[in-house]
Amino acid sequence: MKILLTGQPHSGKTTLLARLLASVSQKQGFVTQEIPDPGHPGQRFGFHLVDADQNTAILAHVDNPSTIR
């Protein structure tokens, strides 16, 4: 089964997916999680990728020196 979940920011997509995945034994894929800006509520620095095994990596960050945006 493949699921693509879309919606407005802060609508609960990650929460819904986390609850769904808690009941699934064999899982693959990843979710993105905001990296919040602690000095500016509601703003973000970038995004983390979190895979089904809870490994994380930075997907995007404002301090990334790359010209790719």
PDB file of N, CA and C in Angstrom:
ATOM      1  N   MET A   1       0.839  -1.169   0.000  1.00  0.00           N
ATOM      2  CA  MET A   1       0.000   0.000   0.000  1.00  0.00           C
ATOM      3  C   MET A   1       0.889   1.238   0.000  1.00  0.00           C
ATOM      4  N   LYS A   2       0.514   2.233  -0.774  1.00  0.00           N
ATOM      5  CA  LYS A   2       1.233   3.508  -0.797  1.00  0.00           C
ATOM      6  C   LYS A   2       0.259   4.616  -0.429  1.00  0.00           C
ATOM      7  N   ILE A   3       0.727   5.527   0.409  1.00  0.00           N
ATOM      8  CA  ILE A   3      -0.110   6.630   0.868  1.00  0.00           C
ATOM      9  C   ILE A   3       0.633   7.930   0.620  1.00  0.00           C
ATOM     10  N   LEU A   4      -0.038   8.879   0.025  1.00  0.00           N
ATOM     11  CA  LEU A   4       0.487  10.230  -0.110  1.00  0.00           C
ATOM     12  C   LEU A   4      -0.488  11.132   0.621  1.00  0.00           C
ATOM     13  N   LEU A   5      -0.001  11.809   1.630  1.00  0.00           N
ATOM     14  CA  LEU A   5      -0.841  12.650   2.467  1.00  0.00           C
ATOM     15  C   LEU A   5      -0.456  14.102   2.246  1.00  0.00           C
ATOM     16  N   THR A   6      -1.405  14.935   1.847  1.00  0.00           N
ATOM     17  CA  THR A   6      -1.142  16.346   1.611  1.00  0.00           C
ATOM     18  C   THR A   6      -2.127  17.192   2.409  1.00  0.00           C
ATOM     19  N   GLY A   7      -1.796  18.444   2.618  1.00  0.00           N
ATOM     20  CA  GLY A   7      -2.697  19.353   3.321  1.00  0.00           C
ATOM     21  C   GLY A   7      -1.982  20.641   3.669  1.00  0.00           C
ATOM     22  N   GLN A   8      -2.723  21.561   4.217  1.00  0.00           N
ATOM     23  CA  GLN A   8      -2.192  22.856   4.612  1.00  0.00           C
ATOM     24  C   GLN A   8      -1.188  22.691   5.750  1.00  0.00           C
ATOM     25  N   PRO A   9      -0.245  23.628   5.890  1.00  0.00           N
ATOM     26  CA  PRO A   9       0.689  23.577   7.027  1.00  0.00           C
ATOM     27  C   PRO A   9      -0.077  23.566   8.354  1.00  0.00           C
ATOM     28  N   HIS A  10       0.413  22.776   9.282  1.00  0.00           N
ATOM     29  CA  HIS A  10      -0.141  22.666  10.638  1.00  0.00           C
ATOM     30  C   HIS A  10      -1.556  22.090  10.663  1.00  0.00           C
ATOM     31  N   SER A  11      -1.909  21.277   9.647  1.00  0.00           N
ATOM     32  CA  SER A  11      -3.248  20.679   9.628  1.00  0.00           C
ATOM     33  C   SER A  11      -3.274  19.301  10.280  1.00  0.00           C
ATOM     34  N   GLY A  12      -2.105  18.769  10.715  1.00  0.00           N
ATOM     35  CA  GLY A  12      -2.072  17.489  11.410  1.00  0.00           C
ATOM     36  C   GLY A  12      -1.641  16.304  10.567  1.00  0.00           C
ATOM     37  N   LYS A  13      -1.014  16.537   9.421  1.00  0.00           N
ATOM     38  CA  LYS A  13      -0.590  15.452   8.539  1.00  0.00           C
ATOM     39  C   LYS A  13       0.409  14.519   9.222  1.00  0.00           C
ATOM     40  N   THR A  14       1.443  15.078   9.826  1.00  0.00           N
ATOM     41  CA  THR A  14       2.472  14.272  10.477  1.00  0.00           C
ATOM     42  C   THR A  14       1.897  13.527  11.680  1.00  0.00           C
ATOM     43  N   THR A  15       1.044  14.181  12.436  1.00  0.00           N
ATOM     44  CA  THR A  15       0.416  13.532  13.595  1.00  0.00           C
ATOM     45  C   THR A  15      -0.433  12.355  13.153  1.00  0.00           C
ATOM     46  N   LEU A  16      -1.243  12.537  12.131  1.00  0.00           N
ATOM     47  CA  LEU A  16      -2.076  11.453  11.613  1.00  0.00           C
ATOM     48  C   LEU A  16      -1.217  10.290  11.136  1.00  0.00           C
ATOM     49  N   LEU A  17      -0.174  10.589  10.383  1.00  0.00           N
ATOM     50  CA  LEU A  17       0.697   9.539   9.859  1.00  0.00           C
ATOM     51  C   LEU A  17       1.418   8.804  10.981  1.00  0.00           C
ATOM     52  N   ALA A  18       1.898   9.524  11.983  1.00  0.00           N
ATOM     53  CA  ALA A  18       2.582   8.884  13.115  1.00  0.00           C
ATOM     54  C   ALA A  18       1.641   7.921  13.847  1.00  0.00           C
ATOM     55  N   ARG A  19       0.408   8.328  14.034  1.00  0.00           N
ATOM     56  CA  ARG A  19      -0.572   7.447  14.706  1.00  0.00           C
ATOM     57  C   ARG A  19      -0.884   6.225  13.854  1.00  0.00           C
ATOM     58  N   LEU A  20      -0.991   6.415  12.561  1.00  0.00           N
ATOM     59  CA  LEU A  20      -1.245   5.293  11.659  1.00  0.00           C
ATOM     60  C   LEU A  20      -0.066   4.322  11.655  1.00  0.00           C
ATOM     61  N   LEU A  21       1.149   4.855  11.562  1.00  0.00           N
ATOM     62  CA  LEU A  21       2.337   4.006  11.496  1.00  0.00           C
ATOM     63  C   LEU A  21       2.605   3.255  12.798  1.00  0.00           C
ATOM     64  N   ALA A  22       2.119   3.765  13.910  1.00  0.00           N
ATOM     65  CA  ALA A  22       2.308   3.078  15.185  1.00  0.00           C
ATOM     66  C   ALA A  22       1.646   1.696  15.183  1.00  0.00           C
ATOM     67  N   SER A  23       0.646   1.512  14.328  1.00  0.00           N
ATOM     68  CA  SER A  23      -0.061   0.228  14.290  1.00  0.00           C
ATOM     69  C   SER A  23       0.402  -0.680  13.151  1.00  0.00           C
ATOM     70  N   VAL A  24       1.397  -0.258  12.379  1.00  0.00           N
ATOM     71  CA  VAL A  24       1.882  -1.028  11.233  1.00  0.00           C
ATOM     72  C   VAL A  24       3.231  -1.642  11.574  1.00  0.00           C
ATOM     73  N   SER A  25       3.374  -2.961  11.346  1.00  0.00           N
ATOM     74  CA  SER A  25       4.634  -3.618  11.704  1.00  0.00           C
ATOM     75  C   SER A  25       5.727  -3.425  10.647  1.00  0.00           C
ATOM     76  N   GLN A  26       5.388  -3.543   9.380  1.00  0.00           N
ATOM     77  CA  GLN A  26       6.377  -3.369   8.317  1.00  0.00           C
ATOM     78  C   GLN A  26       6.119  -2.030   7.645  1.00  0.00           C
ATOM     79  N   LYS A  27       7.073  -1.124   7.770  1.00  0.00           N
ATOM     80  CA  LYS A  27       6.868   0.209   7.213  1.00  0.00           C
ATOM     81  C   LYS A  27       8.105   0.692   6.485  1.00  0.00           C
ATOM     82  N   GLN A  28       7.879   1.524   5.489  1.00  0.00           N
ATOM     83  CA  GLN A  28       8.935   2.150   4.715  1.00  0.00           C
ATOM     84  C   GLN A  28       8.546   3.592   4.478  1.00  0.00           C
ATOM     85  N   GLY A  29       9.514   4.417   4.168  1.00  0.00           N
ATOM     86  CA  GLY A  29       9.222   5.788   3.804  1.00  0.00           C
ATOM     87  C   GLY A  29       9.749   6.783   4.809  1.00  0.00           C
ATOM     88  N   PHE A  30       9.264   8.014   4.690  1.00  0.00           N
ATOM     89  CA  PHE A  30       9.745   9.078   5.564  1.00  0.00           C
ATOM     90  C   PHE A  30       8.679  10.150   5.706  1.00  0.00           C
ATOM     91  N   VAL A  31       8.856  10.972   6.706  1.00  0.00           N
ATOM     92  CA  VAL A  31       8.044  12.174   6.888  1.00  0.00           C
ATOM     93  C   VAL A  31       9.007  13.349   7.014  1.00  0.00           C
ATOM     94  N   THR A  32       8.501  14.537   6.791  1.00  0.00           N
ATOM     95  CA  THR A  32       9.299  15.741   7.015  1.00  0.00           C
ATOM     96  C   THR A  32       8.773  16.421   8.271  1.00  0.00           C
ATOM     97  N   GLN A  33       9.690  16.984   9.034  1.00  0.00           N
ATOM     98  CA  GLN A  33       9.322  17.721  10.232  1.00  0.00           C
ATOM     99  C   GLN A  33       9.995  19.081  10.190  1.00  0.00           C
ATOM    100  N   GLU A  34       9.239  20.101  10.554  1.00  0.00           N
ATOM    101  CA  GLU A  34       9.790  21.457  10.562  1.00  0.00           C
ATOM    102  C   GLU A  34      10.898  21.588  11.598  1.00  0.00           C
ATOM    103  N   ILE A  35      11.893  22.402  11.278  1.00  0.00           N
ATOM    104  CA  ILE A  35      12.895  22.831  12.241  1.00  0.00           C
ATOM    105  C   ILE A  35      12.461  24.244  12.633  1.00  0.00           C
ATOM    106  N   PRO A  36      11.868  24.404  13.814  1.00  0.00           N
ATOM    107  CA  PRO A  36      11.308  25.711  14.166  1.00  0.00           C
ATOM    108  C   PRO A  36      12.376  26.750  14.479  1.00  0.00           C
ATOM    109  N   ASP A  37      12.008  27.994  14.279  1.00  0.00           N
ATOM    110  CA  ASP A  37      12.848  29.133  14.644  1.00  0.00           C
ATOM    111  C   ASP A  37      12.414  29.562  16.042  1.00  0.00           C
ATOM    112  N   PRO A  38      13.230  29.270  17.072  1.00  0.00           N
ATOM    113  CA  PRO A  38      12.801  29.559  18.441  1.00  0.00           C
ATOM    114  C   PRO A  38      12.583  31.048  18.717  1.00  0.00           C
ATOM    115  N   GLY A  39      13.197  31.907  17.959  1.00  0.00           N
ATOM    116  CA  GLY A  39      13.037  33.341  18.180  1.00  0.00           C
ATOM    117  C   GLY A  39      11.815  33.937  17.502  1.00  0.00           C
ATOM    118  N   HIS A  40      11.189  33.166  16.616  1.00  0.00           N
ATOM    119  CA  HIS A  40      10.044  33.662  15.856  1.00  0.00           C
ATOM    120  C   HIS A  40       8.986  32.566  15.756  1.00  0.00           C
ATOM    121  N   PRO A  41       8.063  32.505  16.704  1.00  0.00           N
ATOM    122  CA  PRO A  41       7.019  31.472  16.667  1.00  0.00           C
ATOM    123  C   PRO A  41       6.278  31.472  15.329  1.00  0.00           C
ATOM    124  N   GLY A  42       6.061  30.274  14.811  1.00  0.00           N
ATOM    125  CA  GLY A  42       5.388  30.127  13.524  1.00  0.00           C
ATOM    126  C   GLY A  42       6.320  30.163  12.335  1.00  0.00           C
ATOM    127  N   GLN A  43       7.572  30.518  12.554  1.00  0.00           N
ATOM    128  CA  GLN A  43       8.573  30.529  11.488  1.00  0.00           C
ATOM    129  C   GLN A  43       9.423  29.265  11.603  1.00  0.00           C
ATOM    130  N   ARG A  44      10.103  28.915  10.531  1.00  0.00           N
ATOM    131  CA  ARG A  44      10.948  27.720  10.568  1.00  0.00           C
ATOM    132  C   ARG A  44      12.292  27.986   9.903  1.00  0.00           C
ATOM    133  N   PHE A  45      13.299  27.218  10.362  1.00  0.00           N
ATOM    134  CA  PHE A  45      14.647  27.274   9.797  1.00  0.00           C
ATOM    135  C   PHE A  45      14.790  26.325   8.616  1.00  0.00           C
ATOM    136  N   GLY A  46      14.004  25.245   8.606  1.00  0.00           N
ATOM    137  CA  GLY A  46      14.126  24.246   7.559  1.00  0.00           C
ATOM    138  C   GLY A  46      13.304  23.020   7.880  1.00  0.00           C
ATOM    139  N   PHE A  47      13.746  21.875   7.329  1.00  0.00           N
ATOM    140  CA  PHE A  47      13.021  20.623   7.516  1.00  0.00           C
ATOM    141  C   PHE A  47      13.981  19.464   7.752  1.00  0.00           C
ATOM    142  N   HIS A  48      13.581  18.547   8.627  1.00  0.00           N
ATOM    143  CA  HIS A  48      14.249  17.258   8.824  1.00  0.00           C
ATOM    144  C   HIS A  48      13.479  16.196   8.050  1.00  0.00           C
ATOM    145  N   LEU A  49      14.184  15.190   7.563  1.00  0.00           N
ATOM    146  CA  LEU A  49      13.569  13.951   7.082  1.00  0.00           C
ATOM    147  C   LEU A  49      13.677  12.950   8.219  1.00  0.00           C
ATOM    148  N   VAL A  50      12.625  12.221   8.493  1.00  0.00           N
ATOM    149  CA  VAL A  50      12.640  11.171   9.511  1.00  0.00           C
ATOM    150  C   VAL A  50      12.105   9.914   8.851  1.00  0.00           C
ATOM    151  N   ASP A  51      12.932   8.860   8.788  1.00  0.00           N
ATOM    152  CA  ASP A  51      12.482   7.634   8.125  1.00  0.00           C
ATOM    153  C   ASP A  51      11.750   6.717   9.106  1.00  0.00           C
ATOM    154  N   ALA A  52      11.278   5.589   8.594  1.00  0.00           N
ATOM    155  CA  ALA A  52      10.481   4.660   9.388  1.00  0.00           C
ATOM    156  C   ALA A  52      11.244   4.092  10.577  1.00  0.00           C
ATOM    157  N   ASP A  53      12.582   4.099  10.524  1.00  0.00           N
ATOM    158  CA  ASP A  53      13.407   3.614  11.641  1.00  0.00           C
ATOM    159  C   ASP A  53      13.853   4.747  12.561  1.00  0.00           C
ATOM    160  N   GLN A  54      13.291   5.934  12.370  1.00  0.00           N
ATOM    161  CA  GLN A  54      13.593   7.123  13.173  1.00  0.00           C
ATOM    162  C   GLN A  54      14.975   7.718  12.918  1.00  0.00           C
ATOM    163  N   ASN A  55      15.614   7.374  11.802  1.00  0.00           N
ATOM    164  CA  ASN A  55      16.851   8.034  11.394  1.00  0.00           C
ATOM    165  C   ASN A  55      16.480   9.408  10.848  1.00  0.00           C
ATOM    166  N   THR A  56      17.307  10.411  11.121  1.00  0.00           N
ATOM    167  CA  THR A  56      16.990  11.758  10.657  1.00  0.00           C
ATOM    168  C   THR A  56      18.115  12.331   9.807  1.00  0.00           C
ATOM    169  N   ALA A  57      17.743  13.256   8.948  1.00  0.00           N
ATOM    170  CA  ALA A  57      18.691  13.993   8.119  1.00  0.00           C
ATOM    171  C   ALA A  57      18.075  15.356   7.830  1.00  0.00           C
ATOM    172  N   ILE A  58      18.908  16.349   7.598  1.00  0.00           N
ATOM    173  CA  ILE A  58      18.394  17.673   7.255  1.00  0.00           C
ATOM    174  C   ILE A  58      18.084  17.700   5.762  1.00  0.00           C
ATOM    175  N   LEU A  59      16.857  18.043   5.445  1.00  0.00           N
ATOM    176  CA  LEU A  59      16.428  18.169   4.053  1.00  0.00           C
ATOM    177  C   LEU A  59      16.699  19.577   3.536  1.00  0.00           C
ATOM    178  N   ALA A  60      16.385  20.569   4.361  1.00  0.00           N
ATOM    179  CA  ALA A  60      16.583  21.975   3.984  1.00  0.00           C
ATOM    180  C   ALA A  60      16.827  22.794   5.227  1.00  0.00           C
ATOM    181  N   HIS A  61      17.643  23.831   5.085  1.00  0.00           N
ATOM    182  CA  HIS A  61      17.933  24.691   6.230  1.00  0.00           C
ATOM    183  C   HIS A  61      18.366  26.062   5.713  1.00  0.00           C
ATOM    184  N   VAL A  62      17.953  27.124   6.397  1.00  0.00           N
ATOM    185  CA  VAL A  62      18.303  28.476   5.932  1.00  0.00           C
ATOM    186  C   VAL A  62      19.798  28.741   5.974  1.00  0.00           C
ATOM    187  N   ASP A  63      20.537  28.030   6.810  1.00  0.00           N
ATOM    188  CA  ASP A  63      21.988  28.218   6.893  1.00  0.00           C
ATOM    189  C   ASP A  63      22.774  27.353   5.910  1.00  0.00           C
ATOM    190  N   ASN A  64      22.092  26.587   5.077  1.00  0.00           N
ATOM    191  CA  ASN A  64      22.750  25.752   4.080  1.00  0.00           C
ATOM    192  C   ASN A  64      23.391  26.668   3.035  1.00  0.00           C
ATOM    193  N   PRO A  65      24.703  26.521   2.795  1.00  0.00           N
ATOM    194  CA  PRO A  65      25.379  27.411   1.852  1.00  0.00           C
ATOM    195  C   PRO A  65      25.068  27.130   0.375  1.00  0.00           C
ATOM    196  N   SER A  66      24.345  26.060   0.079  1.00  0.00           N
ATOM    197  CA  SER A  66      24.039  25.712  -1.296  1.00  0.00           C
ATOM    198  C   SER A  66      23.197  26.796  -1.973  1.00  0.00           C
ATOM    199  N   THR A  67      23.376  26.962  -3.258  1.00  0.00           N
ATOM    200  CA  THR A  67      22.551  27.901  -4.015  1.00  0.00           C
ATOM    201  C   THR A  67      21.236  27.264  -4.446  1.00  0.00           C
ATOM    202  N   ILE A  68      21.108  25.950  -4.274  1.00  0.00           N
ATOM    203  CA  ILE A  68      19.875  25.238  -4.627  1.00  0.00           C
ATOM    204  C   ILE A  68      18.846  25.500  -3.542  1.00  0.00           C
ATOM    205  N   ARG A  69      17.692  25.981  -3.921  1.00  0.00           N
ATOM    206  CA  ARG A  69      16.622  26.294  -2.968  1.00  0.00           C
ATOM    207  C   ARG A  69      15.339  25.615  -3.372  1.00  0.00           C
TER     208      ARG A  69
END
